[in-house]
């Protein structure tokens, strides 16, 4: 499984980015930079990541830093998969 492409796919689907995620790099800012990523979208994103990757995300594991950049989100998902 290509984790990067799977996470991009989830972002694309949940936020309806119309292909914009193909330009994302690890340094691409997410929260505050992508208008579609509001509080409701964060909840949908968490749920979609849980379903796609088969893990549970506890409330105390999540804060704004997880969604600061694409790289931060990718690292979080990778960490969940490794644990």
PDB file of N, CA and C in Angstrom:
ATOM      1  N   UNK A   1       0.855  -1.193   0.000  1.00  0.00           N
ATOM      2  CA  UNK A   1       0.000   0.000   0.000  1.00  0.00           C
ATOM      3  C   UNK A   1       0.892   1.244   0.000  1.00  0.00           C
ATOM      4  N   UNK A   2       0.616   2.161  -0.878  1.00  0.00           N
ATOM      5  CA  UNK A   2       1.339   3.423  -0.930  1.00  0.00           C
ATOM      6  C   UNK A   2       0.622   4.421  -0.015  1.00  0.00           C
ATOM      7  N   UNK A   3       1.167   4.610   1.168  1.00  0.00           N
ATOM      8  CA  UNK A   3       0.517   5.435   2.185  1.00  0.00           C
ATOM      9  C   UNK A   3       0.294   6.861   1.680  1.00  0.00           C
ATOM     10  N   UNK A   4       1.307   7.431   1.040  1.00  0.00           N
ATOM     11  CA  UNK A   4       1.201   8.810   0.549  1.00  0.00           C
ATOM     12  C   UNK A   4       0.015   8.962  -0.397  1.00  0.00           C
ATOM     13  N   UNK A   5      -0.089   8.067  -1.373  1.00  0.00           N
ATOM     14  CA  UNK A   5      -1.184   8.171  -2.344  1.00  0.00           C
ATOM     15  C   UNK A   5      -2.539   7.896  -1.713  1.00  0.00           C
ATOM     16  N   UNK A   6      -2.569   7.003  -0.732  1.00  0.00           N
ATOM     17  CA  UNK A   6      -3.833   6.724  -0.034  1.00  0.00           C
ATOM     18  C   UNK A   6      -4.301   7.954   0.748  1.00  0.00           C
ATOM     19  N   UNK A   7      -3.368   8.618   1.452  1.00  0.00           N
ATOM     20  CA  UNK A   7      -3.729   9.825   2.207  1.00  0.00           C
ATOM     21  C   UNK A   7      -4.154  10.938   1.247  1.00  0.00           C
ATOM     22  N   UNK A   8      -3.431  11.086   0.134  1.00  0.00           N
ATOM     23  CA  UNK A   8      -3.840  12.075  -0.877  1.00  0.00           C
ATOM     24  C   UNK A   8      -5.243  11.782  -1.393  1.00  0.00           C
ATOM     25  N   UNK A   9      -5.525  10.513  -1.608  1.00  0.00           N
ATOM     26  CA  UNK A   9      -6.838  10.103  -2.098  1.00  0.00           C
ATOM     27  C   UNK A   9      -7.940  10.469  -1.101  1.00  0.00           C
ATOM     28  N   UNK A  10      -7.677  10.233   0.184  1.00  0.00           N
ATOM     29  CA  UNK A  10      -8.655  10.595   1.222  1.00  0.00           C
ATOM     30  C   UNK A  10      -8.868  12.105   1.239  1.00  0.00           C
ATOM     31  N   UNK A  11      -7.790  12.870   1.202  1.00  0.00           N
ATOM     32  CA  UNK A  11      -7.920  14.335   1.169  1.00  0.00           C
ATOM     33  C   UNK A  11      -8.724  14.780  -0.047  1.00  0.00           C
ATOM     34  N   UNK A  12      -8.411  14.215  -1.194  1.00  0.00           N
ATOM     35  CA  UNK A  12      -9.090  14.554  -2.444  1.00  0.00           C
ATOM     36  C   UNK A  12     -10.594  14.290  -2.341  1.00  0.00           C
ATOM     37  N   UNK A  13     -10.941  13.102  -1.825  1.00  0.00           N
ATOM     38  CA  UNK A  13     -12.353  12.712  -1.722  1.00  0.00           C
ATOM     39  C   UNK A  13     -13.106  13.549  -0.700  1.00  0.00           C
ATOM     40  N   UNK A  14     -12.552  13.667   0.505  1.00  0.00           N
ATOM     41  CA  UNK A  14     -13.264  14.344   1.592  1.00  0.00           C
ATOM     42  C   UNK A  14     -13.410  15.838   1.314  1.00  0.00           C
ATOM     43  N   UNK A  15     -12.367  16.448   0.762  1.00  0.00           N
ATOM     44  CA  UNK A  15     -12.382  17.897   0.561  1.00  0.00           C
ATOM     45  C   UNK A  15     -12.811  18.321  -0.840  1.00  0.00           C
ATOM     46  N   UNK A  16     -13.072  17.355  -1.723  1.00  0.00           N
ATOM     47  CA  UNK A  16     -13.444  17.660  -3.110  1.00  0.00           C
ATOM     48  C   UNK A  16     -12.468  18.658  -3.735  1.00  0.00           C
ATOM     49  N   UNK A  17     -11.198  18.293  -3.768  1.00  0.00           N
ATOM     50  CA  UNK A  17     -10.148  19.213  -4.219  1.00  0.00           C
ATOM     51  C   UNK A  17      -9.997  19.288  -5.729  1.00  0.00           C
ATOM     52  N   UNK A  18     -10.721  18.470  -6.464  1.00  0.00           N
ATOM     53  CA  UNK A  18     -10.705  18.513  -7.926  1.00  0.00           C
ATOM     54  C   UNK A  18      -9.285  18.414  -8.500  1.00  0.00           C
ATOM     55  N   UNK A  19      -8.490  17.510  -7.948  1.00  0.00           N
ATOM     56  CA  UNK A  19      -7.157  17.269  -8.464  1.00  0.00           C
ATOM     57  C   UNK A  19      -6.048  18.108  -7.870  1.00  0.00           C
ATOM     58  N   UNK A  20      -6.394  19.092  -7.038  1.00  0.00           N
ATOM     59  CA  UNK A  20      -5.356  19.967  -6.472  1.00  0.00           C
ATOM     60  C   UNK A  20      -4.364  19.209  -5.599  1.00  0.00           C
ATOM     61  N   UNK A  21      -4.782  18.082  -5.011  1.00  0.00           N
ATOM     62  CA  UNK A  21      -3.888  17.346  -4.115  1.00  0.00           C
ATOM     63  C   UNK A  21      -2.686  16.757  -4.857  1.00  0.00           C
ATOM     64  N   UNK A  22      -2.765  16.647  -6.172  1.00  0.00           N
ATOM     65  CA  UNK A  22      -1.640  16.097  -6.938  1.00  0.00           C
ATOM     66  C   UNK A  22      -0.404  16.993  -6.834  1.00  0.00           C
ATOM     67  N   UNK A  23      -0.587  18.249  -6.452  1.00  0.00           N
ATOM     68  CA  UNK A  23       0.521  19.195  -6.305  1.00  0.00           C
ATOM     69  C   UNK A  23       1.079  19.235  -4.883  1.00  0.00           C
ATOM     70  N   UNK A  24       0.474  18.481  -3.960  1.00  0.00           N
ATOM     71  CA  UNK A  24       0.881  18.542  -2.558  1.00  0.00           C
ATOM     72  C   UNK A  24       2.280  17.960  -2.347  1.00  0.00           C
ATOM     73  N   UNK A  25       3.071  18.648  -1.542  1.00  0.00           N
ATOM     74  CA  UNK A  25       4.373  18.162  -1.096  1.00  0.00           C
ATOM     75  C   UNK A  25       4.294  18.038   0.422  1.00  0.00           C
ATOM     76  N   UNK A  26       5.303  17.452   1.074  1.00  0.00           N
ATOM     77  CA  UNK A  26       5.272  17.380   2.534  1.00  0.00           C
ATOM     78  C   UNK A  26       5.141  18.749   3.207  1.00  0.00           C
ATOM     79  N   UNK A  27       5.599  19.806   2.550  1.00  0.00           N
ATOM     80  CA  UNK A  27       5.537  21.151   3.132  1.00  0.00           C
ATOM     81  C   UNK A  27       4.248  21.902   2.816  1.00  0.00           C
ATOM     82  N   UNK A  28       3.346  21.294   2.061  1.00  0.00           N
ATOM     83  CA  UNK A  28       2.093  21.974   1.705  1.00  0.00           C
ATOM     84  C   UNK A  28       1.255  22.211   2.960  1.00  0.00           C
ATOM     85  N   UNK A  29       0.946  23.481   3.273  1.00  0.00           N
ATOM     86  CA  UNK A  29       0.111  23.756   4.440  1.00  0.00           C
ATOM     87  C   UNK A  29      -1.334  23.310   4.195  1.00  0.00           C
ATOM     88  N   UNK A  30      -1.954  22.766   5.235  1.00  0.00           N
ATOM     89  CA  UNK A  30      -3.337  22.308   5.122  1.00  0.00           C
ATOM     90  C   UNK A  30      -4.263  23.213   5.935  1.00  0.00           C
ATOM     91  N   UNK A  31      -4.260  23.041   7.250  1.00  0.00           N
ATOM     92  CA  UNK A  31      -5.180  23.784   8.121  1.00  0.00           C
ATOM     93  C   UNK A  31      -4.907  25.279   8.009  1.00  0.00           C
ATOM     94  N   UNK A  32      -5.925  26.041   7.666  1.00  0.00           N
ATOM     95  CA  UNK A  32      -5.771  27.476   7.514  1.00  0.00           C
ATOM     96  C   UNK A  32      -5.380  27.896   6.106  1.00  0.00           C
ATOM     97  N   UNK A  33      -4.928  26.942   5.289  1.00  0.00           N
ATOM     98  CA  UNK A  33      -4.496  27.271   3.934  1.00  0.00           C
ATOM     99  C   UNK A  33      -5.461  26.743   2.881  1.00  0.00           C
ATOM    100  N   UNK A  34      -6.176  25.692   3.218  1.00  0.00           N
ATOM    101  CA  UNK A  34      -7.148  25.115   2.293  1.00  0.00           C
ATOM    102  C   UNK A  34      -8.544  25.430   2.834  1.00  0.00           C
ATOM    103  N   UNK A  35      -9.282  26.304   2.136  1.00  0.00           N
ATOM    104  CA  UNK A  35     -10.599  26.738   2.642  1.00  0.00           C
ATOM    105  C   UNK A  35     -11.546  25.584   2.936  1.00  0.00           C
ATOM    106  N   UNK A  36     -11.432  24.501   2.173  1.00  0.00           N
ATOM    107  CA  UNK A  36     -12.338  23.364   2.366  1.00  0.00           C
ATOM    108  C   UNK A  36     -12.085  22.629   3.688  1.00  0.00           C
ATOM    109  N   UNK A  37     -10.909  22.834   4.284  1.00  0.00           N
ATOM    110  CA  UNK A  37     -10.566  22.105   5.507  1.00  0.00           C
ATOM    111  C   UNK A  37     -11.016  22.899   6.732  1.00  0.00           C
ATOM    112  N   UNK A  38     -12.326  22.817   6.999  1.00  0.00           N
ATOM    113  CA  UNK A  38     -12.894  23.458   8.183  1.00  0.00           C
ATOM    114  C   UNK A  38     -13.104  22.398   9.261  1.00  0.00           C
ATOM    115  N   UNK A  39     -13.702  22.778  10.373  1.00  0.00           N
ATOM    116  CA  UNK A  39     -13.839  21.847  11.495  1.00  0.00           C
ATOM    117  C   UNK A  39     -14.665  20.612  11.136  1.00  0.00           C
ATOM    118  N   UNK A  40     -15.692  20.792  10.339  1.00  0.00           N
ATOM    119  CA  UNK A  40     -16.505  19.637   9.933  1.00  0.00           C
ATOM    120  C   UNK A  40     -15.710  18.714   9.004  1.00  0.00           C
ATOM    121  N   UNK A  41     -14.900  19.307   8.141  1.00  0.00           N
ATOM    122  CA  UNK A  41     -14.080  18.509   7.229  1.00  0.00           C
ATOM    123  C   UNK A  41     -13.018  17.725   7.992  1.00  0.00           C
ATOM    124  N   UNK A  42     -12.484  18.308   9.076  1.00  0.00           N
ATOM    125  CA  UNK A  42     -11.499  17.596   9.899  1.00  0.00           C
ATOM    126  C   UNK A  42     -12.121  16.331  10.464  1.00  0.00           C
ATOM    127  N   UNK A  43     -13.347  16.424  10.964  1.00  0.00           N
ATOM    128  CA  UNK A  43     -14.049  15.257  11.508  1.00  0.00           C
ATOM    129  C   UNK A  43     -14.250  14.209  10.416  1.00  0.00           C
ATOM    130  N   UNK A  44     -14.680  14.639   9.243  1.00  0.00           N
ATOM    131  CA  UNK A  44     -14.882  13.712   8.124  1.00  0.00           C
ATOM    132  C   UNK A  44     -13.563  13.079   7.695  1.00  0.00           C
ATOM    133  N   UNK A  45     -12.495  13.867   7.723  1.00  0.00           N
ATOM    134  CA  UNK A  45     -11.176  13.373   7.348  1.00  0.00           C
ATOM    135  C   UNK A  45     -10.698  12.307   8.328  1.00  0.00           C
ATOM    136  N   UNK A  46     -10.869  12.565   9.616  1.00  0.00           N
ATOM    137  CA  UNK A  46     -10.476  11.587  10.639  1.00  0.00           C
ATOM    138  C   UNK A  46     -11.237  10.282  10.441  1.00  0.00           C
ATOM    139  N   UNK A  47     -12.543  10.379  10.250  1.00  0.00           N
ATOM    140  CA  UNK A  47     -13.374   9.188  10.040  1.00  0.00           C
ATOM    141  C   UNK A  47     -12.929   8.422   8.796  1.00  0.00           C
ATOM    142  N   UNK A  48     -12.657   9.147   7.721  1.00  0.00           N
ATOM    143  CA  UNK A  48     -12.234   8.504   6.471  1.00  0.00           C
ATOM    144  C   UNK A  48     -10.878   7.832   6.612  1.00  0.00           C
ATOM    145  N   UNK A  49      -9.953   8.474   7.330  1.00  0.00           N
ATOM    146  CA  UNK A  49      -8.638   7.870   7.557  1.00  0.00           C
ATOM    147  C   UNK A  49      -8.776   6.588   8.381  1.00  0.00           C
ATOM    148  N   UNK A  50      -9.632   6.629   9.403  1.00  0.00           N
ATOM    149  CA  UNK A  50      -9.865   5.436  10.231  1.00  0.00           C
ATOM    150  C   UNK A  50     -10.406   4.287   9.375  1.00  0.00           C
ATOM    151  N   UNK A  51     -11.371   4.599   8.528  1.00  0.00           N
ATOM    152  CA  UNK A  51     -11.977   3.565   7.685  1.00  0.00           C
ATOM    153  C   UNK A  51     -10.988   3.034   6.648  1.00  0.00           C
ATOM    154  N   UNK A  52     -10.239   3.927   6.009  1.00  0.00           N
ATOM    155  CA  UNK A  52      -9.313   3.539   4.950  1.00  0.00           C
ATOM    156  C   UNK A  52      -8.174   2.674   5.488  1.00  0.00           C
ATOM    157  N   UNK A  53      -7.639   3.055   6.658  1.00  0.00           N
ATOM    158  CA  UNK A  53      -6.444   2.395   7.170  1.00  0.00           C
ATOM    159  C   UNK A  53      -6.709   1.400   8.300  1.00  0.00           C
ATOM    160  N   UNK A  54      -7.945   1.369   8.819  1.00  0.00           N
ATOM    161  CA  UNK A  54      -8.296   0.378   9.827  1.00  0.00           C
ATOM    162  C   UNK A  54      -7.718   0.632  11.209  1.00  0.00           C
ATOM    163  N   UNK A  55      -7.530   1.898  11.571  1.00  0.00           N
ATOM    164  CA  UNK A  55      -7.109   2.210  12.931  1.00  0.00           C
ATOM    165  C   UNK A  55      -8.102   3.160  13.578  1.00  0.00           C
ATOM    166  N   UNK A  56      -7.977   3.331  14.894  1.00  0.00           N
ATOM    167  CA  UNK A  56      -8.831   4.254  15.642  1.00  0.00           C
ATOM    168  C   UNK A  56      -7.974   5.427  16.093  1.00  0.00           C
ATOM    169  N   UNK A  57      -8.496   6.627  15.919  1.00  0.00           N
ATOM    170  CA  UNK A  57      -7.809   7.832  16.358  1.00  0.00           C
ATOM    171  C   UNK A  57      -8.530   8.363  17.592  1.00  0.00           C
ATOM    172  N   UNK A  58      -7.823   8.388  18.710  1.00  0.00           N
ATOM    173  CA  UNK A  58      -8.401   8.922  19.941  1.00  0.00           C
ATOM    174  C   UNK A  58      -8.332  10.446  19.932  1.00  0.00           C
ATOM    175  N   UNK A  59      -9.297  11.080  20.613  1.00  0.00           N
ATOM    176  CA  UNK A  59      -9.355  12.541  20.649  1.00  0.00           C
ATOM    177  C   UNK A  59      -8.052  13.163  21.139  1.00  0.00           C
ATOM    178  N   UNK A  60      -7.401  12.523  22.114  1.00  0.00           N
ATOM    179  CA  UNK A  60      -6.184  13.111  22.678  1.00  0.00           C
ATOM    180  C   UNK A  60      -4.966  12.943  21.766  1.00  0.00           C
ATOM    181  N   UNK A  61      -5.120  12.242  20.654  1.00  0.00           N
ATOM    182  CA  UNK A  61      -4.020  12.090  19.690  1.00  0.00           C
ATOM    183  C   UNK A  61      -4.005  13.214  18.657  1.00  0.00           C
ATOM    184  N   UNK A  62      -5.085  13.944  18.577  1.00  0.00           N
ATOM    185  CA  UNK A  62      -5.269  14.921  17.502  1.00  0.00           C
ATOM    186  C   UNK A  62      -5.210  16.342  18.043  1.00  0.00           C
ATOM    187  N   UNK A  63      -4.414  17.158  17.361  1.00  0.00           N
ATOM    188  CA  UNK A  63      -4.470  18.600  17.578  1.00  0.00           C
ATOM    189  C   UNK A  63      -4.139  19.274  16.241  1.00  0.00           C
ATOM    190  N   UNK A  64      -4.069  20.571  16.230  1.00  0.00           N
ATOM    191  CA  UNK A  64      -3.863  21.298  14.983  1.00  0.00           C
ATOM    192  C   UNK A  64      -2.569  20.945  14.263  1.00  0.00           C
ATOM    193  N   UNK A  65      -1.556  20.502  15.014  1.00  0.00           N
ATOM    194  CA  UNK A  65      -0.277  20.199  14.377  1.00  0.00           C
ATOM    195  C   UNK A  65      -0.380  19.029  13.410  1.00  0.00           C
ATOM    196  N   UNK A  66      -1.300  18.099  13.677  1.00  0.00           N
ATOM    197  CA  UNK A  66      -1.473  16.937  12.795  1.00  0.00           C
ATOM    198  C   UNK A  66      -1.901  17.384  11.401  1.00  0.00           C
ATOM    199  N   UNK A  67      -2.685  18.454  11.337  1.00  0.00           N
ATOM    200  CA  UNK A  67      -3.209  18.946  10.062  1.00  0.00           C
ATOM    201  C   UNK A  67      -2.485  20.200   9.572  1.00  0.00           C
ATOM    202  N   UNK A  68      -1.334  20.521  10.166  1.00  0.00           N
ATOM    203  CA  UNK A  68      -0.600  21.736   9.785  1.00  0.00           C
ATOM    204  C   UNK A  68      -0.098  21.651   8.349  1.00  0.00           C
ATOM    205  N   UNK A  69       0.500  20.509   7.994  1.00  0.00           N
ATOM    206  CA  UNK A  69       1.009  20.310   6.636  1.00  0.00           C
ATOM    207  C   UNK A  69       0.662  18.902   6.173  1.00  0.00           C
ATOM    208  N   UNK A  70       0.797  18.687   4.875  1.00  0.00           N
ATOM    209  CA  UNK A  70       0.564  17.342   4.355  1.00  0.00           C
ATOM    210  C   UNK A  70       1.562  16.361   4.963  1.00  0.00           C
ATOM    211  N   UNK A  71       2.804  16.805   5.118  1.00  0.00           N
ATOM    212  CA  UNK A  71       3.830  15.950   5.707  1.00  0.00           C
ATOM    213  C   UNK A  71       3.506  15.544   7.139  1.00  0.00           C
ATOM    214  N   UNK A  72       2.971  16.489   7.919  1.00  0.00           N
ATOM    215  CA  UNK A  72       2.592  16.192   9.302  1.00  0.00           C
ATOM    216  C   UNK A  72       1.469  15.153   9.340  1.00  0.00           C
ATOM    217  N   UNK A  73       0.496  15.302   8.465  1.00  0.00           N
ATOM    218  CA  UNK A  73      -0.606  14.341   8.397  1.00  0.00           C
ATOM    219  C   UNK A  73      -0.092  12.968   7.966  1.00  0.00           C
ATOM    220  N   UNK A  74       0.780  12.956   6.987  1.00  0.00           N
ATOM    221  CA  UNK A  74       1.366  11.711   6.505  1.00  0.00           C
ATOM    222  C   UNK A  74       2.162  11.014   7.614  1.00  0.00           C
ATOM    223  N   UNK A  75       2.943  11.769   8.358  1.00  0.00           N
ATOM    224  CA  UNK A  75       3.715  11.211   9.476  1.00  0.00           C
ATOM    225  C   UNK A  75       2.798  10.639  10.551  1.00  0.00           C
ATOM    226  N   UNK A  76       1.694  11.337  10.822  1.00  0.00           N
ATOM    227  CA  UNK A  76       0.736  10.857  11.814  1.00  0.00           C
ATOM    228  C   UNK A  76       0.156   9.514  11.384  1.00  0.00           C
ATOM    229  N   UNK A  77      -0.293   9.425  10.128  1.00  0.00           N
ATOM    230  CA  UNK A  77      -0.875   8.188   9.615  1.00  0.00           C
ATOM    231  C   UNK A  77       0.159   7.066   9.659  1.00  0.00           C
ATOM    232  N   UNK A  78       1.381   7.360   9.225  1.00  0.00           N
ATOM    233  CA  UNK A  78       2.438   6.347   9.244  1.00  0.00           C
ATOM    234  C   UNK A  78       2.699   5.862  10.669  1.00  0.00           C
ATOM    235  N   UNK A  79       2.710   6.793  11.613  1.00  0.00           N
ATOM    236  CA  UNK A  79       2.909   6.430  13.016  1.00  0.00           C
ATOM    237  C   UNK A  79       1.806   5.540  13.546  1.00  0.00           C
ATOM    238  N   UNK A  80       0.567   5.828  13.147  1.00  0.00           N
ATOM    239  CA  UNK A  80      -0.565   4.985  13.560  1.00  0.00           C
ATOM    240  C   UNK A  80      -0.429   3.584  12.982  1.00  0.00           C
ATOM    241  N   UNK A  81       0.002   3.500  11.743  1.00  0.00           N
ATOM    242  CA  UNK A  81       0.144   2.194  11.090  1.00  0.00           C
ATOM    243  C   UNK A  81       1.293   1.390  11.692  1.00  0.00           C
ATOM    244  N   UNK A  82       2.331   2.074  12.164  1.00  0.00           N
ATOM    245  CA  UNK A  82       3.493   1.406  12.728  1.00  0.00           C
ATOM    246  C   UNK A  82       3.263   0.925  14.163  1.00  0.00           C
ATOM    247  N   UNK A  83       2.275   1.520  14.832  1.00  0.00           N
ATOM    248  CA  UNK A  83       2.079   1.168  16.252  1.00  0.00           C
ATOM    249  C   UNK A  83       1.231  -0.057  16.451  1.00  0.00           C
TER     250      UNK A  83
END
